[in-house]
Amino acid sequence: MIYYDLVPGDQIKITVAPKGFGSENMSQIKMLKVSEGAEGVKNFVLKAVEEAGPNPCPPIIVGVGIGGTFDKAALIAKKALLRHTGEHNPVPYYADMEKELLEKINALGIGPQGFGGKTTALAVHIETMPTHIAGLPVAVNINCHVARHKTEVL
């Protein structure tokens, strides 16, 4: 994955994140009904991780994208994986949701490499984007424990 941002002046910030397809194949997206709200988002994230089981080589990092459109939700879920592990969303509401989801994911008992245990995920990172009032797109993008990425400004 390659992500870039324009930097003031004539510079561009490029982040490269080599990602294996074992974890990429565990990605899911869903267009929730608005009435499902935050509980629907949390239930979907938990279901996606539980269905992934040992396939993405846990312990994992879980990127969640909420809002935007179908494609934007997937993009921001990937962008969420570029944060430093455990760096919380700056909005307290989403930071609390990240902590709650991490606790619930680790309670699933999948554990490292799927052998059971208390550490299924190292972090949950949520990114959000404004969306239409009639929709609630949510994407889950899972990364294996390696979670490597490098950023350079050119």
C-alpha atoms as a PDB file:
ATOM      1  CA  MET A   1       0.000   0.000   0.000  1.00  0.00           C
ATOM      2  CA  ILE A   2       1.232   3.497  -0.792  1.00  0.00           C
ATOM      3  CA  TYR A   3      -0.340   6.547   0.821  1.00  0.00           C
ATOM      4  CA  TYR A   4       0.649  10.122   0.122  1.00  0.00           C
ATOM      5  CA  ASP A   5      -0.087  13.631   1.422  1.00  0.00           C
ATOM      6  CA  LEU A   6       0.912  16.961  -0.013  1.00  0.00           C
ATOM      7  CA  VAL A   7       3.166  18.930   2.324  1.00  0.00           C
ATOM      8  CA  PRO A   8       3.327  22.743   2.258  1.00  0.00           C
ATOM      9  CA  GLY A   9       5.750  23.884  -0.408  1.00  0.00           C
ATOM     10  CA  ASP A  10       6.865  21.598  -3.201  1.00  0.00           C
ATOM     11  CA  GLN A  11       7.002  18.439  -1.119  1.00  0.00           C
ATOM     12  CA  ILE A  12       5.072  15.216  -0.912  1.00  0.00           C
ATOM     13  CA  LYS A  13       4.960  12.818   2.034  1.00  0.00           C
ATOM     14  CA  ILE A  14       4.882   9.176   0.922  1.00  0.00           C
ATOM     15  CA  THR A  15       4.197   6.259   3.225  1.00  0.00           C
ATOM     16  CA  VAL A  16       4.802   2.712   2.033  1.00  0.00           C
ATOM     17  CA  ALA A  17       3.351  -0.234   3.915  1.00  0.00           C
ATOM     18  CA  PRO A  18       4.243  -3.686   2.567  1.00  0.00           C
ATOM     19  CA  LYS A  19       1.311  -5.864   3.542  1.00  0.00           C
ATOM     20  CA  GLY A  20       0.807  -9.574   3.116  1.00  0.00           C
ATOM     21  CA  PHE A  21      -2.330 -10.831   1.430  1.00  0.00           C
ATOM     22  CA  GLY A  22      -3.143 -13.283   4.208  1.00  0.00           C
ATOM     23  CA  SER A  23      -4.306 -10.361   6.308  1.00  0.00           C
ATOM     24  CA  GLU A  24      -5.594  -8.374   3.321  1.00  0.00           C
ATOM     25  CA  ASN A  25      -7.924 -11.250   2.412  1.00  0.00           C
ATOM     26  CA  MET A  26      -9.587 -10.862   5.806  1.00  0.00           C
ATOM     27  CA  SER A  27     -10.845  -7.344   4.966  1.00  0.00           C
ATOM     28  CA  GLN A  28     -14.572  -6.666   5.064  1.00  0.00           C
ATOM     29  CA  ILE A  29     -16.854  -3.758   4.256  1.00  0.00           C
ATOM     30  CA  LYS A  30     -20.502  -3.243   5.041  1.00  0.00           C
ATOM     31  CA  MET A  31     -23.042  -0.547   4.397  1.00  0.00           C
ATOM     32  CA  LEU A  32     -24.826  -0.461   7.742  1.00  0.00           C
ATOM     33  CA  LYS A  33     -28.260   1.010   8.288  1.00  0.00           C
ATOM     34  CA  VAL A  34     -27.942   4.315  10.097  1.00  0.00           C
ATOM     35  CA  SER A  35     -30.232   2.970  12.824  1.00  0.00           C
ATOM     36  CA  GLU A  36     -27.544   0.376  13.707  1.00  0.00           C
ATOM     37  CA  GLY A  37     -25.361   3.210  15.016  1.00  0.00           C
ATOM     38  CA  ALA A  38     -22.253   2.713  17.120  1.00  0.00           C
ATOM     39  CA  GLU A  39     -23.365  -0.708  18.356  1.00  0.00           C
ATOM     40  CA  GLY A  40     -23.737  -1.888  14.773  1.00  0.00           C
ATOM     41  CA  VAL A  41     -20.238  -0.652  13.974  1.00  0.00           C
ATOM     42  CA  LYS A  42     -18.748  -2.444  16.979  1.00  0.00           C
ATOM     43  CA  ASN A  43     -20.656  -5.660  16.244  1.00  0.00           C
ATOM     44  CA  PHE A  44     -19.468  -5.623  12.623  1.00  0.00           C
ATOM     45  CA  VAL A  45     -15.820  -5.087  13.615  1.00  0.00           C
ATOM     46  CA  LEU A  46     -15.971  -7.906  16.170  1.00  0.00           C
ATOM     47  CA  LYS A  47     -17.631 -10.248  13.670  1.00  0.00           C
ATOM     48  CA  ALA A  48     -14.996  -9.462  11.013  1.00  0.00           C
ATOM     49  CA  VAL A  49     -12.142 -10.227  13.421  1.00  0.00           C
ATOM     50  CA  GLU A  50     -13.810 -13.373  14.724  1.00  0.00           C
ATOM     51  CA  GLU A  51     -14.397 -14.653  11.183  1.00  0.00           C
ATOM     52  CA  ALA A  52     -10.766 -13.886  10.298  1.00  0.00           C
ATOM     53  CA  GLY A  53      -9.646 -16.075  13.202  1.00  0.00           C
ATOM     54  CA  PRO A  54      -6.018 -17.182  12.824  1.00  0.00           C
ATOM     55  CA  ASN A  55      -5.794 -16.401   9.088  1.00  0.00           C
ATOM     56  CA  PRO A  56      -4.207 -12.922   9.337  1.00  0.00           C
ATOM     57  CA  CYS A  57      -1.444 -14.233  11.678  1.00  0.00           C
ATOM     58  CA  PRO A  58      -2.439 -12.631  14.975  1.00  0.00           C
ATOM     59  CA  PRO A  59      -1.677 -10.636  16.965  1.00  0.00           C
ATOM     60  CA  ILE A  60      -3.135  -8.136  14.533  1.00  0.00           C
ATOM     61  CA  ILE A  61      -3.691  -4.429  14.063  1.00  0.00           C
ATOM     62  CA  VAL A  62      -7.294  -3.614  13.134  1.00  0.00           C
ATOM     63  CA  GLY A  63      -7.935  -0.602  10.919  1.00  0.00           C
ATOM     64  CA  VAL A  64     -11.519   0.644  10.860  1.00  0.00           C
ATOM     65  CA  GLY A  65     -12.919   3.215   8.444  1.00  0.00           C
ATOM     66  CA  ILE A  66     -16.267   4.782   9.287  1.00  0.00           C
ATOM     67  CA  GLY A  67     -18.060   7.123   6.905  1.00  0.00           C
ATOM     68  CA  GLY A  68     -17.437   8.564   3.493  1.00  0.00           C
ATOM     69  CA  THR A  69     -18.639   6.311   0.694  1.00  0.00           C
ATOM     70  CA  PHE A  70     -18.110   2.619  -0.037  1.00  0.00           C
ATOM     71  CA  ASP A  71     -14.615   3.226  -1.451  1.00  0.00           C
ATOM     72  CA  LYS A  72     -13.597   5.952   1.007  1.00  0.00           C
ATOM     73  CA  ALA A  73     -14.423   3.768   4.027  1.00  0.00           C
ATOM     74  CA  ALA A  74     -11.984   1.153   2.706  1.00  0.00           C
ATOM     75  CA  LEU A  75      -9.315   3.781   2.052  1.00  0.00           C
ATOM     76  CA  ILE A  76      -9.495   5.278   5.538  1.00  0.00           C
ATOM     77  CA  ALA A  77      -9.507   1.806   7.129  1.00  0.00           C
ATOM     78  CA  LYS A  78      -6.149   1.220   5.432  1.00  0.00           C
ATOM     79  CA  LYS A  79      -4.949   4.677   6.407  1.00  0.00           C
ATOM     80  CA  ALA A  80      -5.760   3.802  10.028  1.00  0.00           C
ATOM     81  CA  LEU A  81      -3.142   1.036   9.847  1.00  0.00           C
ATOM     82  CA  LEU A  82      -0.431   3.642   9.211  1.00  0.00           C
ATOM     83  CA  ARG A  83      -0.715   5.109  12.695  1.00  0.00           C
ATOM     84  CA  HIS A  84       1.883   4.130  15.244  1.00  0.00           C
ATOM     85  CA  THR A  85       0.630   1.043  17.053  1.00  0.00           C
ATOM     86  CA  GLY A  86      -1.575   2.081  19.937  1.00  0.00           C
ATOM     87  CA  GLU A  87      -1.774   5.759  18.953  1.00  0.00           C
ATOM     88  CA  HIS A  88      -5.400   6.628  19.604  1.00  0.00           C
ATOM     89  CA  ASN A  89      -7.784   8.684  17.525  1.00  0.00           C
ATOM     90  CA  PRO A  90      -7.584  12.325  18.690  1.00  0.00           C
ATOM     91  CA  VAL A  91     -11.380  12.459  19.159  1.00  0.00           C
ATOM     92  CA  PRO A  92     -12.146  11.040  22.640  1.00  0.00           C
ATOM     93  CA  TYR A  93     -15.348   9.318  21.458  1.00  0.00           C
ATOM     94  CA  TYR A  94     -13.430   7.273  18.866  1.00  0.00           C
ATOM     95  CA  ALA A  95     -10.434   6.750  21.170  1.00  0.00           C
ATOM     96  CA  ASP A  96     -12.828   5.185  23.702  1.00  0.00           C
ATOM     97  CA  MET A  97     -14.352   3.027  20.960  1.00  0.00           C
ATOM     98  CA  GLU A  98     -10.843   1.859  19.954  1.00  0.00           C
ATOM     99  CA  LYS A  99     -10.099   0.850  23.550  1.00  0.00           C
ATOM    100  CA  GLU A 100     -13.448  -0.922  23.952  1.00  0.00           C
ATOM    101  CA  LEU A 101     -13.025  -2.834  20.696  1.00  0.00           C
ATOM    102  CA  LEU A 102      -9.461  -3.864  21.578  1.00  0.00           C
ATOM    103  CA  GLU A 103     -10.672  -5.271  24.883  1.00  0.00           C
ATOM    104  CA  LYS A 104     -13.541  -7.177  23.221  1.00  0.00           C
ATOM    105  CA  ILE A 105     -11.327  -8.485  20.406  1.00  0.00           C
ATOM    106  CA  ASN A 106      -8.773  -9.797  22.883  1.00  0.00           C
ATOM    107  CA  ALA A 107     -11.598 -11.440  24.850  1.00  0.00           C
ATOM    108  CA  LEU A 108     -12.397 -13.556  21.757  1.00  0.00           C
ATOM    109  CA  GLY A 109      -9.502 -15.806  22.795  1.00  0.00           C
ATOM    110  CA  ILE A 110      -8.066 -16.321  19.297  1.00  0.00           C
ATOM    111  CA  GLY A 111      -4.585 -15.431  20.554  1.00  0.00           C
ATOM    112  CA  PRO A 112      -1.202 -15.376  18.820  1.00  0.00           C
ATOM    113  CA  GLN A 113      -1.226 -17.408  15.598  1.00  0.00           C
ATOM    114  CA  GLY A 114      -4.685 -18.666  16.603  1.00  0.00           C
ATOM    115  CA  PHE A 115      -3.394 -20.892  19.406  1.00  0.00           C
ATOM    116  CA  GLY A 116      -5.597 -19.204  22.001  1.00  0.00           C
ATOM    117  CA  GLY A 117      -4.782 -16.544  24.522  1.00  0.00           C
ATOM    118  CA  LYS A 118      -5.451 -12.974  25.534  1.00  0.00           C
ATOM    119  CA  THR A 119      -3.593 -11.111  22.775  1.00  0.00           C
ATOM    120  CA  THR A 120      -5.461 -11.371  19.505  1.00  0.00           C
ATOM    121  CA  ALA A 121      -4.919  -7.701  18.623  1.00  0.00           C
ATOM    122  CA  LEU A 122      -2.244  -5.180  19.520  1.00  0.00           C
ATOM    123  CA  ALA A 123      -4.336  -2.161  18.533  1.00  0.00           C
ATOM    124  CA  VAL A 124      -7.549  -0.948  16.954  1.00  0.00           C
ATOM    125  CA  HIS A 125      -7.270   2.281  14.969  1.00  0.00           C
ATOM    126  CA  ILE A 126     -10.394   4.092  13.771  1.00  0.00           C
ATOM    127  CA  GLU A 127     -10.484   6.786  11.091  1.00  0.00           C
ATOM    128  CA  THR A 128     -13.655   8.641  10.192  1.00  0.00           C
ATOM    129  CA  MET A 129     -14.980  10.778   7.384  1.00  0.00           C
ATOM    130  CA  PRO A 130     -18.229  12.728   6.969  1.00  0.00           C
ATOM    131  CA  THR A 131     -20.933  10.807   5.151  1.00  0.00           C
ATOM    132  CA  HIS A 132     -24.480  11.208   3.908  1.00  0.00           C
ATOM    133  CA  ILE A 133     -27.117  11.082   6.616  1.00  0.00           C
ATOM    134  CA  ALA A 134     -28.706   8.020   4.959  1.00  0.00           C
ATOM    135  CA  GLY A 135     -25.611   5.807   5.131  1.00  0.00           C
ATOM    136  CA  LEU A 136     -23.123   4.281   7.519  1.00  0.00           C
ATOM    137  CA  PRO A 137     -20.295   2.641   5.563  1.00  0.00           C
ATOM    138  CA  VAL A 138     -17.824   0.694   7.703  1.00  0.00           C
ATOM    139  CA  ALA A 139     -14.669  -1.075   6.539  1.00  0.00           C
ATOM    140  CA  VAL A 140     -12.338  -3.338   8.487  1.00  0.00           C
ATOM    141  CA  ASN A 141      -8.805  -3.818   7.212  1.00  0.00           C
ATOM    142  CA  ILE A 142      -6.586  -6.178   9.203  1.00  0.00           C
ATOM    143  CA  ASN A 143      -2.810  -6.139   9.318  1.00  0.00           C
ATOM    144  CA  CYS A 144      -0.616  -8.863  10.743  1.00  0.00           C
ATOM    145  CA  HIS A 145       1.613  -8.187  13.743  1.00  0.00           C
ATOM    146  CA  VAL A 146       4.523  -7.037  11.554  1.00  0.00           C
ATOM    147  CA  ALA A 147       2.691  -3.752  10.800  1.00  0.00           C
ATOM    148  CA  ARG A 148       5.701  -2.260   9.022  1.00  0.00           C
ATOM    149  CA  HIS A 149       5.613   1.084   7.294  1.00  0.00           C
ATOM    150  CA  LYS A 150       8.033   3.844   6.378  1.00  0.00           C
ATOM    151  CA  THR A 151       7.406   7.520   5.605  1.00  0.00           C
ATOM    152  CA  GLU A 152       9.644   9.897   3.652  1.00  0.00           C
ATOM    153  CA  VAL A 153       9.161  13.475   2.543  1.00  0.00           C
ATOM    154  CA  LEU A 154      10.407  14.252  -0.959  1.00  0.00           C
END
